[in-house]
Amino acid sequence: MAQHDYSIANQSGAAFRSDLNNALKAIVSQNSGATAPSTTYAYQSWADTATGVMKIRNSANSAWITLYELDGTLTMEDGTAASPGLAFRSDLDTGFYRIGSNQLGIATGGTGRVVIDASGRLLVGTSTSLQSDSLLQVYRASGDVRFLLDSDSIDNTETVLFRAVGGSRNADFGVFKHSGITNPCGYFKLEEEDGASQYYWTDNSGNLRISTTSTHVGTTSGTVVGTQTSDERLKNIIGPVEYGLNTLKQIEPVRYTLKSEPDVEKLGFIAQQVQPLVPQSIFDTNEHIEGEPEDAPTKLGMEYVAMIPVLVNAIKELSAEVDALKSQLA
């Protein structure tokens, strides 16, 4: 470590040689020392051994600028969005800057665009997290906010998609191409709790379809959502339906409005009234009703299509009675 004022006075030969050697030592050691050189010059370098950083004097010779760590670690000034600490020579308002402790900002045109905050969240369009548990956040004060994944051409079995993965299960949303269709088709795939995959898409007639087979996507294969599978090979037949006309006579159809839609009148049934009569048509959603006590029964749902076999039996009973009356009148 050596420093020098770089002013060599008139002196004897031996003293001159010693003074010159000291100046040369200061030069080759980058003016290293635990304290700053007492005499400074514009653009003078100083290896600050106390803090372990290399510094350079500014053009006005009024302050030191930190360049990098003496161990080789590159450092930079904090900077701002308008004047990033690390910028491009031909574009000085575009680059990287330090927002605060453990926060990195990226600026273009002097405006902060992207932030990685202290919790590792990636923030686009904002420097403040909008939701603590969201690792990717995109914000715009007004107007459209869109994500784009674009492939000019995808071949068979290829996809362009967003994927969410949790543990060993995932969900996909994107477009898929296979040999059974001419153009890629939009779809989403949901993996069930047991690992089985269900694919959803709309066919060219606008029907929402579902299938466990990926190559059904974009075709008219699979099942239209809202229809029921009725293939005998998939069923264990227990016996005939025992409900009929007598059951229907005990069910009271009602006009009603939902409390959430008081202006929309509907027709239907009351689940609690139907449940003891046709229990197979009622199911428990296991959803708590807002405003109800915590220990209140959960919300009931009704599968209206389950009433069709009951209606068929009632019609058959009425038809039999009509036929009997016709016989008596004949």
C-alpha atoms as a PDB file:
ATOM      1  CA  MET A   1       0.000   0.000   0.000  1.00  0.00           C
ATOM      2  CA  ALA A   2       1.389   3.403  -0.948  1.00  0.00           C
ATOM      3  CA  GLN A   3       0.205   6.932  -1.583  1.00  0.00           C
ATOM      4  CA  HIS A   4       1.941  10.050  -2.855  1.00  0.00           C
ATOM      5  CA  ASP A   5       1.095  13.676  -3.513  1.00  0.00           C
ATOM      6  CA  TYR A   6       2.770  13.424  -6.941  1.00  0.00           C
ATOM      7  CA  SER A   7       4.713  16.618  -6.334  1.00  0.00           C
ATOM      8  CA  ILE A   8       8.465  15.914  -6.587  1.00  0.00           C
ATOM      9  CA  ALA A   9      10.460  18.844  -5.280  1.00  0.00           C
ATOM     10  CA  ASN A  10      14.022  19.809  -6.119  1.00  0.00           C
ATOM     11  CA  GLN A  11      16.289  17.576  -4.049  1.00  0.00           C
ATOM     12  CA  SER A  12      19.505  15.588  -4.002  1.00  0.00           C
ATOM     13  CA  GLY A  13      19.921  12.587  -6.282  1.00  0.00           C
ATOM     14  CA  ALA A  14      19.332   9.897  -3.629  1.00  0.00           C
ATOM     15  CA  ALA A  15      16.343  11.750  -2.180  1.00  0.00           C
ATOM     16  CA  PHE A  16      14.909  12.324  -5.686  1.00  0.00           C
ATOM     17  CA  ARG A  17      15.262   8.645  -6.501  1.00  0.00           C
ATOM     18  CA  SER A  18      13.503   7.645  -3.257  1.00  0.00           C
ATOM     19  CA  ASP A  19      10.705  10.167  -3.815  1.00  0.00           C
ATOM     20  CA  LEU A  20      10.232   8.998  -7.410  1.00  0.00           C
ATOM     21  CA  ASN A  21      10.121   5.332  -6.333  1.00  0.00           C
ATOM     22  CA  ASN A  22       7.430   6.195  -3.758  1.00  0.00           C
ATOM     23  CA  ALA A  23       5.388   7.914  -6.469  1.00  0.00           C
ATOM     24  CA  LEU A  24       5.738   4.891  -8.723  1.00  0.00           C
ATOM     25  CA  LYS A  25       4.674   2.573  -5.870  1.00  0.00           C
ATOM     26  CA  ALA A  26       1.576   4.698  -5.350  1.00  0.00           C
ATOM     27  CA  ILE A  27       0.756   4.480  -9.042  1.00  0.00           C
ATOM     28  CA  VAL A  28       1.155   0.717  -9.343  1.00  0.00           C
ATOM     29  CA  SER A  29      -0.813   0.112  -6.106  1.00  0.00           C
ATOM     30  CA  GLN A  30      -3.682   2.371  -7.224  1.00  0.00           C
ATOM     31  CA  ASN A  31      -2.986   4.757  -4.327  1.00  0.00           C
ATOM     32  CA  SER A  32      -4.113   1.996  -1.957  1.00  0.00           C
ATOM     33  CA  GLY A  33      -4.674   2.729   1.693  1.00  0.00           C
ATOM     34  CA  ALA A  34      -7.206   2.739   4.504  1.00  0.00           C
ATOM     35  CA  THR A  35      -7.656   6.510   4.183  1.00  0.00           C
ATOM     36  CA  ALA A  36      -8.017   8.695   1.128  1.00  0.00           C
ATOM     37  CA  PRO A  37      -4.899  10.325  -0.355  1.00  0.00           C
ATOM     38  CA  SER A  38      -4.311  13.724   1.203  1.00  0.00           C
ATOM     39  CA  THR A  39      -3.713  15.309  -2.191  1.00  0.00           C
ATOM     40  CA  THR A  40      -6.268  14.418  -4.862  1.00  0.00           C
ATOM     41  CA  TYR A  41      -6.724  14.973  -8.583  1.00  0.00           C
ATOM     42  CA  ALA A  42      -9.644  14.640 -10.977  1.00  0.00           C
ATOM     43  CA  TYR A  43     -10.050  11.012 -12.179  1.00  0.00           C
ATOM     44  CA  GLN A  44      -7.478   9.767  -9.649  1.00  0.00           C
ATOM     45  CA  SER A  45      -7.931   6.124  -8.575  1.00  0.00           C
ATOM     46  CA  TRP A  46      -7.881   4.935  -4.968  1.00  0.00           C
ATOM     47  CA  ALA A  47      -8.005   1.340  -3.700  1.00  0.00           C
ATOM     48  CA  ASP A  48      -9.805   1.876  -0.403  1.00  0.00           C
ATOM     49  CA  THR A  49      -8.558  -0.994   1.758  1.00  0.00           C
ATOM     50  CA  ALA A  50     -10.770   0.013   4.678  1.00  0.00           C
ATOM     51  CA  THR A  51     -14.030  -0.687   2.776  1.00  0.00           C
ATOM     52  CA  GLY A  52     -12.573  -3.037   0.157  1.00  0.00           C
ATOM     53  CA  VAL A  53     -13.646  -1.019  -2.894  1.00  0.00           C
ATOM     54  CA  MET A  54     -11.978   0.676  -5.850  1.00  0.00           C
ATOM     55  CA  LYS A  55     -12.858   4.329  -6.244  1.00  0.00           C
ATOM     56  CA  ILE A  56     -12.199   7.109  -8.731  1.00  0.00           C
ATOM     57  CA  ARG A  57     -12.246  10.838  -8.196  1.00  0.00           C
ATOM     58  CA  ASN A  58     -14.984  12.726 -10.024  1.00  0.00           C
ATOM     59  CA  SER A  59     -14.281  15.302 -12.729  1.00  0.00           C
ATOM     60  CA  ALA A  60     -14.732  18.176 -10.296  1.00  0.00           C
ATOM     61  CA  ASN A  61     -12.278  16.597  -7.847  1.00  0.00           C
ATOM     62  CA  SER A  62     -14.910  16.978  -5.149  1.00  0.00           C
ATOM     63  CA  ALA A  63     -15.957  13.383  -4.330  1.00  0.00           C
ATOM     64  CA  TRP A  64     -15.082   9.725  -4.766  1.00  0.00           C
ATOM     65  CA  ILE A  65     -17.112   7.413  -7.028  1.00  0.00           C
ATOM     66  CA  THR A  66     -17.215   3.707  -6.152  1.00  0.00           C
ATOM     67  CA  LEU A  67     -16.403   1.411  -9.096  1.00  0.00           C
ATOM     68  CA  TYR A  68     -16.174  -2.177  -7.834  1.00  0.00           C
ATOM     69  CA  GLU A  69     -15.143  -4.379  -4.935  1.00  0.00           C
ATOM     70  CA  LEU A  70     -11.451  -5.128  -4.565  1.00  0.00           C
ATOM     71  CA  ASP A  71     -12.293  -8.849  -4.791  1.00  0.00           C
ATOM     72  CA  GLY A  72     -13.558  -8.268  -8.335  1.00  0.00           C
ATOM     73  CA  THR A  73     -17.279  -7.892  -7.566  1.00  0.00           C
ATOM     74  CA  LEU A  74     -18.730  -5.286  -9.913  1.00  0.00           C
ATOM     75  CA  THR A  75     -20.836  -2.611  -8.218  1.00  0.00           C
ATOM     76  CA  MET A  76     -22.606   0.500  -9.438  1.00  0.00           C
ATOM     77  CA  GLU A  77     -24.320   3.605  -8.150  1.00  0.00           C
ATOM     78  CA  ASP A  78     -27.946   3.201  -6.988  1.00  0.00           C
ATOM     79  CA  GLY A  79     -29.201   5.501  -9.703  1.00  0.00           C
ATOM     80  CA  THR A  80     -32.839   6.350 -10.388  1.00  0.00           C
ATOM     81  CA  ALA A  81     -35.386   5.544 -13.071  1.00  0.00           C
ATOM     82  CA  ALA A  82     -34.431   8.777 -14.820  1.00  0.00           C
ATOM     83  CA  SER A  83     -30.700   8.125 -14.452  1.00  0.00           C
ATOM     84  CA  PRO A  84     -30.033   4.382 -13.945  1.00  0.00           C
ATOM     85  CA  GLY A  85     -26.887   3.271 -12.133  1.00  0.00           C
ATOM     86  CA  LEU A  86     -26.109   0.928 -15.009  1.00  0.00           C
ATOM     87  CA  ALA A  87     -27.130   2.382 -18.368  1.00  0.00           C
ATOM     88  CA  PHE A  88     -26.275   2.170 -22.046  1.00  0.00           C
ATOM     89  CA  ARG A  89     -23.721   4.594 -23.413  1.00  0.00           C
ATOM     90  CA  SER A  90     -26.027   5.675 -26.241  1.00  0.00           C
ATOM     91  CA  ASP A  91     -29.211   5.543 -24.118  1.00  0.00           C
ATOM     92  CA  LEU A  92     -28.414   6.844 -20.646  1.00  0.00           C
ATOM     93  CA  ASP A  93     -32.013   6.825 -19.328  1.00  0.00           C
ATOM     94  CA  THR A  94     -32.451   3.102 -19.997  1.00  0.00           C
ATOM     95  CA  GLY A  95     -30.951   0.503 -17.673  1.00  0.00           C
ATOM     96  CA  PHE A  96     -30.914  -0.846 -14.107  1.00  0.00           C
ATOM     97  CA  TYR A  97     -31.258   1.016 -10.822  1.00  0.00           C
ATOM     98  CA  ARG A  98     -31.670   0.265  -7.113  1.00  0.00           C
ATOM     99  CA  ILE A  99     -35.062   1.264  -5.704  1.00  0.00           C
ATOM    100  CA  GLY A 100     -34.368   0.341  -2.089  1.00  0.00           C
ATOM    101  CA  SER A 101     -33.012  -2.445   0.048  1.00  0.00           C
ATOM    102  CA  ASN A 102     -32.990  -5.676  -2.013  1.00  0.00           C
ATOM    103  CA  GLN A 103     -35.085  -4.122  -4.797  1.00  0.00           C
ATOM    104  CA  LEU A 104     -34.069  -3.969  -8.449  1.00  0.00           C
ATOM    105  CA  GLY A 105     -35.648  -1.689 -11.032  1.00  0.00           C
ATOM    106  CA  ILE A 106     -35.505  -1.640 -14.822  1.00  0.00           C
ATOM    107  CA  ALA A 107     -36.147   1.631 -16.617  1.00  0.00           C
ATOM    108  CA  THR A 108     -36.696   2.570 -20.264  1.00  0.00           C
ATOM    109  CA  GLY A 109     -36.869   6.150 -21.430  1.00  0.00           C
ATOM    110  CA  GLY A 110     -36.347   7.396 -17.880  1.00  0.00           C
ATOM    111  CA  THR A 111     -39.457   5.621 -16.548  1.00  0.00           C
ATOM    112  CA  GLY A 112     -39.483   2.624 -14.213  1.00  0.00           C
ATOM    113  CA  ARG A 113     -41.063  -0.340 -15.990  1.00  0.00           C
ATOM    114  CA  VAL A 114     -40.195  -3.513 -14.069  1.00  0.00           C
ATOM    115  CA  VAL A 115     -39.372  -4.164 -10.421  1.00  0.00           C
ATOM    116  CA  ILE A 116     -38.124  -7.240  -8.579  1.00  0.00           C
ATOM    117  CA  ASP A 117     -38.944  -6.541  -4.957  1.00  0.00           C
ATOM    118  CA  ALA A 118     -37.405  -7.829  -1.743  1.00  0.00           C
ATOM    119  CA  SER A 119     -39.790 -10.811  -1.665  1.00  0.00           C
ATOM    120  CA  GLY A 120     -38.878 -11.930  -5.200  1.00  0.00           C
ATOM    121  CA  ARG A 121     -42.116 -10.688  -6.771  1.00  0.00           C
ATOM    122  CA  LEU A 122     -41.908  -9.481 -10.373  1.00  0.00           C
ATOM    123  CA  LEU A 123     -43.892  -6.257 -10.750  1.00  0.00           C
ATOM    124  CA  VAL A 124     -44.640  -4.807 -14.186  1.00  0.00           C
ATOM    125  CA  GLY A 125     -46.035  -1.298 -14.417  1.00  0.00           C
ATOM    126  CA  THR A 126     -45.871  -0.726 -10.667  1.00  0.00           C
ATOM    127  CA  SER A 127     -43.235  -0.572  -7.945  1.00  0.00           C
ATOM    128  CA  THR A 128     -45.702  -1.560  -5.203  1.00  0.00           C
ATOM    129  CA  SER A 129     -46.990  -5.100  -4.745  1.00  0.00           C
ATOM    130  CA  LEU A 130     -50.745  -5.316  -5.263  1.00  0.00           C
ATOM    131  CA  GLN A 131     -51.137  -8.782  -3.708  1.00  0.00           C
ATOM    132  CA  SER A 132     -48.583 -10.286  -1.373  1.00  0.00           C
ATOM    133  CA  ASP A 133     -48.970 -13.903  -2.520  1.00  0.00           C
ATOM    134  CA  SER A 134     -48.748 -13.164  -6.282  1.00  0.00           C
ATOM    135  CA  LEU A 135     -45.228 -13.606  -7.635  1.00  0.00           C
ATOM    136  CA  LEU A 136     -46.048 -12.031 -11.035  1.00  0.00           C
ATOM    137  CA  GLN A 137     -48.100  -8.837 -11.043  1.00  0.00           C
ATOM    138  CA  VAL A 138     -48.952  -6.655 -14.037  1.00  0.00           C
ATOM    139  CA  TYR A 139     -50.591  -3.268 -13.501  1.00  0.00           C
ATOM    140  CA  ARG A 140     -51.920  -0.524 -15.727  1.00  0.00           C
ATOM    141  CA  ALA A 141     -53.871   2.462 -14.436  1.00  0.00           C
ATOM    142  CA  SER A 142     -56.400   2.213 -17.290  1.00  0.00           C
ATOM    143  CA  GLY A 143     -56.960   0.430 -20.582  1.00  0.00           C
ATOM    144  CA  ASP A 144     -56.279  -3.125 -21.702  1.00  0.00           C
ATOM    145  CA  VAL A 145     -53.838  -5.424 -19.930  1.00  0.00           C
ATOM    146  CA  ARG A 146     -52.925  -8.442 -22.055  1.00  0.00           C
ATOM    147  CA  PHE A 147     -50.454 -11.326 -22.094  1.00  0.00           C
ATOM    148  CA  LEU A 148     -49.317 -12.653 -25.441  1.00  0.00           C
ATOM    149  CA  LEU A 149     -47.775 -16.018 -26.245  1.00  0.00           C
ATOM    150  CA  ASP A 150     -47.299 -16.214 -29.996  1.00  0.00           C
ATOM    151  CA  SER A 151     -46.047 -18.950 -32.309  1.00  0.00           C
ATOM    152  CA  ASP A 152     -46.368 -18.325 -36.055  1.00  0.00           C
ATOM    153  CA  SER A 153     -46.664 -22.050 -36.675  1.00  0.00           C
ATOM    154  CA  ILE A 154     -47.054 -25.105 -34.459  1.00  0.00           C
ATOM    155  CA  ASP A 155     -46.848 -28.697 -35.637  1.00  0.00           C
ATOM    156  CA  ASN A 156     -48.775 -31.759 -34.532  1.00  0.00           C
ATOM    157  CA  THR A 157     -48.539 -32.523 -30.792  1.00  0.00           C
ATOM    158  CA  GLU A 158     -47.212 -28.992 -30.100  1.00  0.00           C
ATOM    159  CA  THR A 159     -48.868 -26.446 -27.814  1.00  0.00           C
ATOM    160  CA  VAL A 160     -48.684 -22.786 -26.859  1.00  0.00           C
ATOM    161  CA  LEU A 161     -49.928 -22.511 -23.299  1.00  0.00           C
ATOM    162  CA  PHE A 162     -49.895 -21.162 -19.774  1.00  0.00           C
ATOM    163  CA  ARG A 163     -49.343 -23.861 -17.163  1.00  0.00           C
ATOM    164  CA  ALA A 164     -49.993 -23.769 -13.434  1.00  0.00           C
ATOM    165  CA  VAL A 165     -48.283 -26.492 -11.402  1.00  0.00           C
ATOM    166  CA  GLY A 166     -48.926 -27.372  -7.784  1.00  0.00           C
ATOM    167  CA  GLY A 167     -47.177 -30.416  -6.395  1.00  0.00           C
ATOM    168  CA  SER A 168     -47.750 -33.221  -8.886  1.00  0.00           C
ATOM    169  CA  ARG A 169     -50.872 -31.714 -10.505  1.00  0.00           C
ATOM    170  CA  ASN A 170     -51.198 -29.045 -13.181  1.00  0.00           C
ATOM    171  CA  ALA A 171     -53.675 -27.047 -15.250  1.00  0.00           C
ATOM    172  CA  ASP A 172     -53.093 -25.810 -18.823  1.00  0.00           C
ATOM    173  CA  PHE A 173     -54.692 -23.057 -20.864  1.00  0.00           C
ATOM    174  CA  GLY A 174     -53.633 -22.544 -24.468  1.00  0.00           C
ATOM    175  CA  VAL A 175     -53.860 -23.845 -28.040  1.00  0.00           C
ATOM    176  CA  PHE A 176     -53.093 -27.381 -29.242  1.00  0.00           C
ATOM    177  CA  LYS A 177     -52.489 -28.930 -32.662  1.00  0.00           C
ATOM    178  CA  HIS A 178     -52.733 -32.601 -33.569  1.00  0.00           C
ATOM    179  CA  SER A 179     -53.149 -34.613 -36.768  1.00  0.00           C
ATOM    180  CA  GLY A 180     -56.929 -34.841 -36.410  1.00  0.00           C
ATOM    181  CA  ILE A 181     -57.535 -31.115 -36.950  1.00  0.00           C
ATOM    182  CA  THR A 182     -56.478 -28.646 -39.649  1.00  0.00           C
ATOM    183  CA  ASN A 183     -55.769 -25.674 -37.383  1.00  0.00           C
ATOM    184  CA  PRO A 184     -54.784 -25.366 -33.715  1.00  0.00           C
ATOM    185  CA  CYS A 185     -57.669 -25.204 -31.259  1.00  0.00           C
ATOM    186  CA  GLY A 186     -58.004 -23.368 -27.958  1.00  0.00           C
ATOM    187  CA  TYR A 187     -58.444 -25.602 -24.915  1.00  0.00           C
ATOM    188  CA  PHE A 188     -57.833 -25.961 -21.232  1.00  0.00           C
ATOM    189  CA  LYS A 189     -56.815 -29.053 -19.324  1.00  0.00           C
ATOM    190  CA  LEU A 190     -57.504 -29.732 -15.671  1.00  0.00           C
ATOM    191  CA  GLU A 191     -55.839 -32.534 -13.749  1.00  0.00           C
ATOM    192  CA  GLU A 192     -58.158 -34.007 -11.160  1.00  0.00           C
ATOM    193  CA  GLU A 193     -57.110 -34.786  -7.606  1.00  0.00           C
ATOM    194  CA  ASP A 194     -56.511 -38.429  -8.579  1.00  0.00           C
ATOM    195  CA  GLY A 195     -54.301 -37.427 -11.532  1.00  0.00           C
ATOM    196  CA  ALA A 196     -56.819 -38.019 -14.351  1.00  0.00           C
ATOM    197  CA  SER A 197     -56.851 -35.310 -17.030  1.00  0.00           C
ATOM    198  CA  GLN A 198     -59.957 -33.651 -18.455  1.00  0.00           C
ATOM    199  CA  TYR A 199     -59.745 -31.596 -21.674  1.00  0.00           C
ATOM    200  CA  TYR A 200     -62.269 -28.846 -22.467  1.00  0.00           C
ATOM    201  CA  TRP A 201     -62.794 -27.046 -25.802  1.00  0.00           C
ATOM    202  CA  THR A 202     -65.538 -25.704 -28.070  1.00  0.00           C
ATOM    203  CA  ASP A 203     -66.237 -27.410 -31.398  1.00  0.00           C
ATOM    204  CA  ASN A 204     -67.013 -25.570 -34.635  1.00  0.00           C
ATOM    205  CA  SER A 205     -70.700 -25.454 -33.680  1.00  0.00           C
ATOM    206  CA  GLY A 206     -69.955 -23.658 -30.413  1.00  0.00           C
ATOM    207  CA  ASN A 207     -70.577 -26.677 -28.166  1.00  0.00           C
ATOM    208  CA  LEU A 208     -68.426 -26.930 -25.052  1.00  0.00           C
ATOM    209  CA  ARG A 209     -66.981 -30.455 -24.980  1.00  0.00           C
ATOM    210  CA  ILE A 210     -65.049 -32.543 -22.499  1.00  0.00           C
ATOM    211  CA  SER A 211     -62.864 -35.614 -22.955  1.00  0.00           C
ATOM    212  CA  THR A 212     -60.067 -37.516 -21.255  1.00  0.00           C
ATOM    213  CA  THR A 213     -58.312 -37.853 -24.646  1.00  0.00           C
ATOM    214  CA  SER A 214     -56.130 -34.966 -25.842  1.00  0.00           C
ATOM    215  CA  THR A 215     -56.561 -35.820 -29.533  1.00  0.00           C
ATOM    216  CA  HIS A 216     -60.296 -35.126 -29.208  1.00  0.00           C
ATOM    217  CA  VAL A 217     -59.528 -31.421 -28.776  1.00  0.00           C
ATOM    218  CA  GLY A 218     -60.979 -29.419 -31.693  1.00  0.00           C
ATOM    219  CA  THR A 219     -63.165 -32.294 -32.919  1.00  0.00           C
ATOM    220  CA  THR A 220     -66.747 -33.387 -32.307  1.00  0.00           C
ATOM    221  CA  SER A 221     -65.587 -36.320 -30.211  1.00  0.00           C
ATOM    222  CA  GLY A 222     -65.930 -36.330 -26.462  1.00  0.00           C
ATOM    223  CA  THR A 223     -69.070 -35.317 -24.578  1.00  0.00           C
ATOM    224  CA  VAL A 224     -71.002 -32.064 -24.848  1.00  0.00           C
ATOM    225  CA  VAL A 225     -70.964 -30.434 -21.416  1.00  0.00           C
ATOM    226  CA  GLY A 226     -74.490 -30.463 -19.974  1.00  0.00           C
ATOM    227  CA  THR A 227     -75.403 -33.820 -21.497  1.00  0.00           C
ATOM    228  CA  GLN A 228     -75.260 -37.059 -19.560  1.00  0.00           C
ATOM    229  CA  THR A 229     -73.540 -40.295 -20.454  1.00  0.00           C
ATOM    230  CA  SER A 230     -76.204 -42.983 -20.780  1.00  0.00           C
ATOM    231  CA  ASP A 231     -74.321 -45.954 -22.215  1.00  0.00           C
ATOM    232  CA  GLU A 232     -75.531 -49.152 -20.542  1.00  0.00           C
ATOM    233  CA  ARG A 233     -71.986 -50.505 -20.487  1.00  0.00           C
ATOM    234  CA  LEU A 234     -71.015 -47.831 -18.007  1.00  0.00           C
ATOM    235  CA  LYS A 235     -73.859 -48.550 -15.589  1.00  0.00           C
ATOM    236  CA  ASN A 236     -74.689 -51.011 -12.851  1.00  0.00           C
ATOM    237  CA  ILE A 237     -78.492 -51.307 -13.185  1.00  0.00           C
ATOM    238  CA  ILE A 238     -80.018 -51.420  -9.685  1.00  0.00           C
ATOM    239  CA  GLY A 239     -83.688 -51.637 -10.678  1.00  0.00           C
ATOM    240  CA  PRO A 240     -86.663 -49.620 -11.973  1.00  0.00           C
ATOM    241  CA  VAL A 241     -87.518 -46.132 -10.687  1.00  0.00           C
ATOM    242  CA  GLU A 242     -90.111 -46.427  -7.913  1.00  0.00           C
ATOM    243  CA  TYR A 243     -91.243 -42.798  -8.033  1.00  0.00           C
ATOM    244  CA  GLY A 244     -94.182 -41.740 -10.173  1.00  0.00           C
ATOM    245  CA  LEU A 245     -97.486 -39.940 -10.131  1.00  0.00           C
ATOM    246  CA  ASN A 246     -98.001 -40.160  -6.387  1.00  0.00           C
ATOM    247  CA  THR A 247     -94.558 -38.640  -5.793  1.00  0.00           C
ATOM    248  CA  LEU A 248     -95.173 -35.790  -8.258  1.00  0.00           C
ATOM    249  CA  LYS A 249     -98.481 -34.928  -6.586  1.00  0.00           C
ATOM    250  CA  GLN A 250     -96.583 -34.212  -3.353  1.00  0.00           C
ATOM    251  CA  ILE A 251     -94.038 -31.860  -4.969  1.00  0.00           C
ATOM    252  CA  GLU A 252     -94.975 -28.182  -5.044  1.00  0.00           C
ATOM    253  CA  PRO A 253     -93.568 -26.127  -7.940  1.00  0.00           C
ATOM    254  CA  VAL A 254     -92.886 -22.524  -6.911  1.00  0.00           C
ATOM    255  CA  ARG A 255     -92.283 -19.103  -8.446  1.00  0.00           C
ATOM    256  CA  TYR A 256     -89.341 -17.405  -6.792  1.00  0.00           C
ATOM    257  CA  THR A 257     -86.561 -14.849  -7.038  1.00  0.00           C
ATOM    258  CA  LEU A 258     -83.046 -15.306  -5.739  1.00  0.00           C
ATOM    259  CA  LYS A 259     -82.152 -12.916  -2.929  1.00  0.00           C
ATOM    260  CA  SER A 260     -79.129 -11.926  -5.008  1.00  0.00           C
ATOM    261  CA  GLU A 261     -81.382 -11.219  -8.052  1.00  0.00           C
ATOM    262  CA  PRO A 262     -84.656  -9.882  -6.627  1.00  0.00           C
ATOM    263  CA  ASP A 263     -85.869  -8.604 -10.007  1.00  0.00           C
ATOM    264  CA  VAL A 264     -85.532 -11.910 -11.880  1.00  0.00           C
ATOM    265  CA  GLU A 265     -88.464 -14.280 -11.437  1.00  0.00           C
ATOM    266  CA  LYS A 266     -87.828 -18.005 -11.888  1.00  0.00           C
ATOM    267  CA  LEU A 267     -89.758 -21.281 -11.735  1.00  0.00           C
ATOM    268  CA  GLY A 268     -88.539 -24.319  -9.877  1.00  0.00           C
ATOM    269  CA  PHE A 269     -88.624 -26.446  -6.743  1.00  0.00           C
ATOM    270  CA  ILE A 270     -87.452 -26.232  -3.135  1.00  0.00           C
ATOM    271  CA  ALA A 271     -84.631 -28.685  -2.453  1.00  0.00           C
ATOM    272  CA  GLN A 272     -85.653 -29.297   1.156  1.00  0.00           C
ATOM    273  CA  GLN A 273     -89.206 -30.187   0.051  1.00  0.00           C
ATOM    274  CA  VAL A 274     -88.084 -32.542  -2.738  1.00  0.00           C
ATOM    275  CA  GLN A 275     -85.289 -34.238  -0.756  1.00  0.00           C
ATOM    276  CA  PRO A 276     -87.453 -36.664   1.253  1.00  0.00           C
ATOM    277  CA  LEU A 277     -89.496 -37.529  -1.849  1.00  0.00           C
ATOM    278  CA  VAL A 278     -86.746 -37.974  -4.488  1.00  0.00           C
ATOM    279  CA  PRO A 279     -83.479 -37.903  -2.529  1.00  0.00           C
ATOM    280  CA  GLN A 280     -81.386 -38.900  -5.571  1.00  0.00           C
ATOM    281  CA  SER A 281     -82.149 -35.507  -7.163  1.00  0.00           C
ATOM    282  CA  ILE A 282     -80.692 -33.488  -4.273  1.00  0.00           C
ATOM    283  CA  PHE A 283     -77.006 -33.057  -3.460  1.00  0.00           C
ATOM    284  CA  ASP A 284     -75.047 -31.173  -0.824  1.00  0.00           C
ATOM    285  CA  THR A 285     -72.668 -28.570  -2.284  1.00  0.00           C
ATOM    286  CA  ASN A 286     -70.754 -28.379   1.019  1.00  0.00           C
ATOM    287  CA  GLU A 287     -70.741 -24.600   0.527  1.00  0.00           C
ATOM    288  CA  HIS A 288     -71.495 -22.301   3.457  1.00  0.00           C
ATOM    289  CA  ILE A 289     -74.248 -19.722   2.829  1.00  0.00           C
ATOM    290  CA  GLU A 290     -73.040 -16.212   3.556  1.00  0.00           C
ATOM    291  CA  GLY A 291     -74.800 -14.690   6.540  1.00  0.00           C
ATOM    292  CA  GLU A 292     -75.828 -18.057   7.983  1.00  0.00           C
ATOM    293  CA  PRO A 293     -74.397 -19.291  11.317  1.00  0.00           C
ATOM    294  CA  GLU A 294     -71.195 -21.319  10.992  1.00  0.00           C
ATOM    295  CA  ASP A 295     -72.955 -24.471  12.181  1.00  0.00           C
ATOM    296  CA  ALA A 296     -75.906 -24.039   9.774  1.00  0.00           C
ATOM    297  CA  PRO A 297     -76.465 -26.754   7.135  1.00  0.00           C
ATOM    298  CA  THR A 298     -74.512 -26.219   3.940  1.00  0.00           C
ATOM    299  CA  LYS A 299     -76.161 -25.238   0.655  1.00  0.00           C
ATOM    300  CA  LEU A 300     -78.239 -27.841  -1.205  1.00  0.00           C
ATOM    301  CA  GLY A 301     -78.361 -28.225  -4.985  1.00  0.00           C
ATOM    302  CA  MET A 302     -80.836 -30.031  -7.218  1.00  0.00           C
ATOM    303  CA  GLU A 303     -80.241 -32.041 -10.378  1.00  0.00           C
ATOM    304  CA  TYR A 304     -83.434 -31.238 -12.273  1.00  0.00           C
ATOM    305  CA  VAL A 305     -82.713 -33.833 -14.970  1.00  0.00           C
ATOM    306  CA  ALA A 306     -83.137 -36.531 -12.302  1.00  0.00           C
ATOM    307  CA  MET A 307     -86.839 -35.673 -12.244  1.00  0.00           C
ATOM    308  CA  ILE A 308     -87.318 -36.790 -15.870  1.00  0.00           C
ATOM    309  CA  PRO A 309     -87.632 -40.522 -15.024  1.00  0.00           C
ATOM    310  CA  VAL A 310     -90.222 -39.585 -12.379  1.00  0.00           C
ATOM    311  CA  LEU A 311     -92.171 -37.623 -14.983  1.00  0.00           C
ATOM    312  CA  VAL A 312     -91.977 -40.544 -17.419  1.00  0.00           C
ATOM    313  CA  ASN A 313     -93.397 -42.914 -14.807  1.00  0.00           C
ATOM    314  CA  ALA A 314     -96.191 -40.447 -13.975  1.00  0.00           C
ATOM    315  CA  ILE A 315     -97.093 -40.112 -17.667  1.00  0.00           C
ATOM    316  CA  LYS A 316     -97.137 -43.891 -18.046  1.00  0.00           C
ATOM    317  CA  GLU A 317     -99.456 -44.198 -15.038  1.00  0.00           C
ATOM    318  CA  LEU A 318    -101.796 -41.536 -16.443  1.00  0.00           C
ATOM    319  CA  SER A 319    -101.690 -43.201 -19.853  1.00  0.00           C
ATOM    320  CA  ALA A 320    -102.620 -46.543 -18.285  1.00  0.00           C
ATOM    321  CA  GLU A 321    -105.566 -44.893 -16.513  1.00  0.00           C
ATOM    322  CA  VAL A 322    -106.701 -43.260 -19.753  1.00  0.00           C
ATOM    323  CA  ASP A 323    -106.462 -46.581 -21.570  1.00  0.00           C
ATOM    324  CA  ALA A 324    -108.507 -48.223 -18.804  1.00  0.00           C
ATOM    325  CA  LEU A 325    -111.214 -45.572 -19.057  1.00  0.00           C
ATOM    326  CA  LYS A 326    -111.306 -45.976 -22.844  1.00  0.00           C
ATOM    327  CA  SER A 327    -111.813 -49.715 -22.376  1.00  0.00           C
ATOM    328  CA  GLN A 328    -114.723 -49.140 -19.996  1.00  0.00           C
ATOM    329  CA  LEU A 329    -116.339 -46.695 -22.410  1.00  0.00           C
ATOM    330  CA  ALA A 330    -115.898 -48.948 -25.431  1.00  0.00           C
END
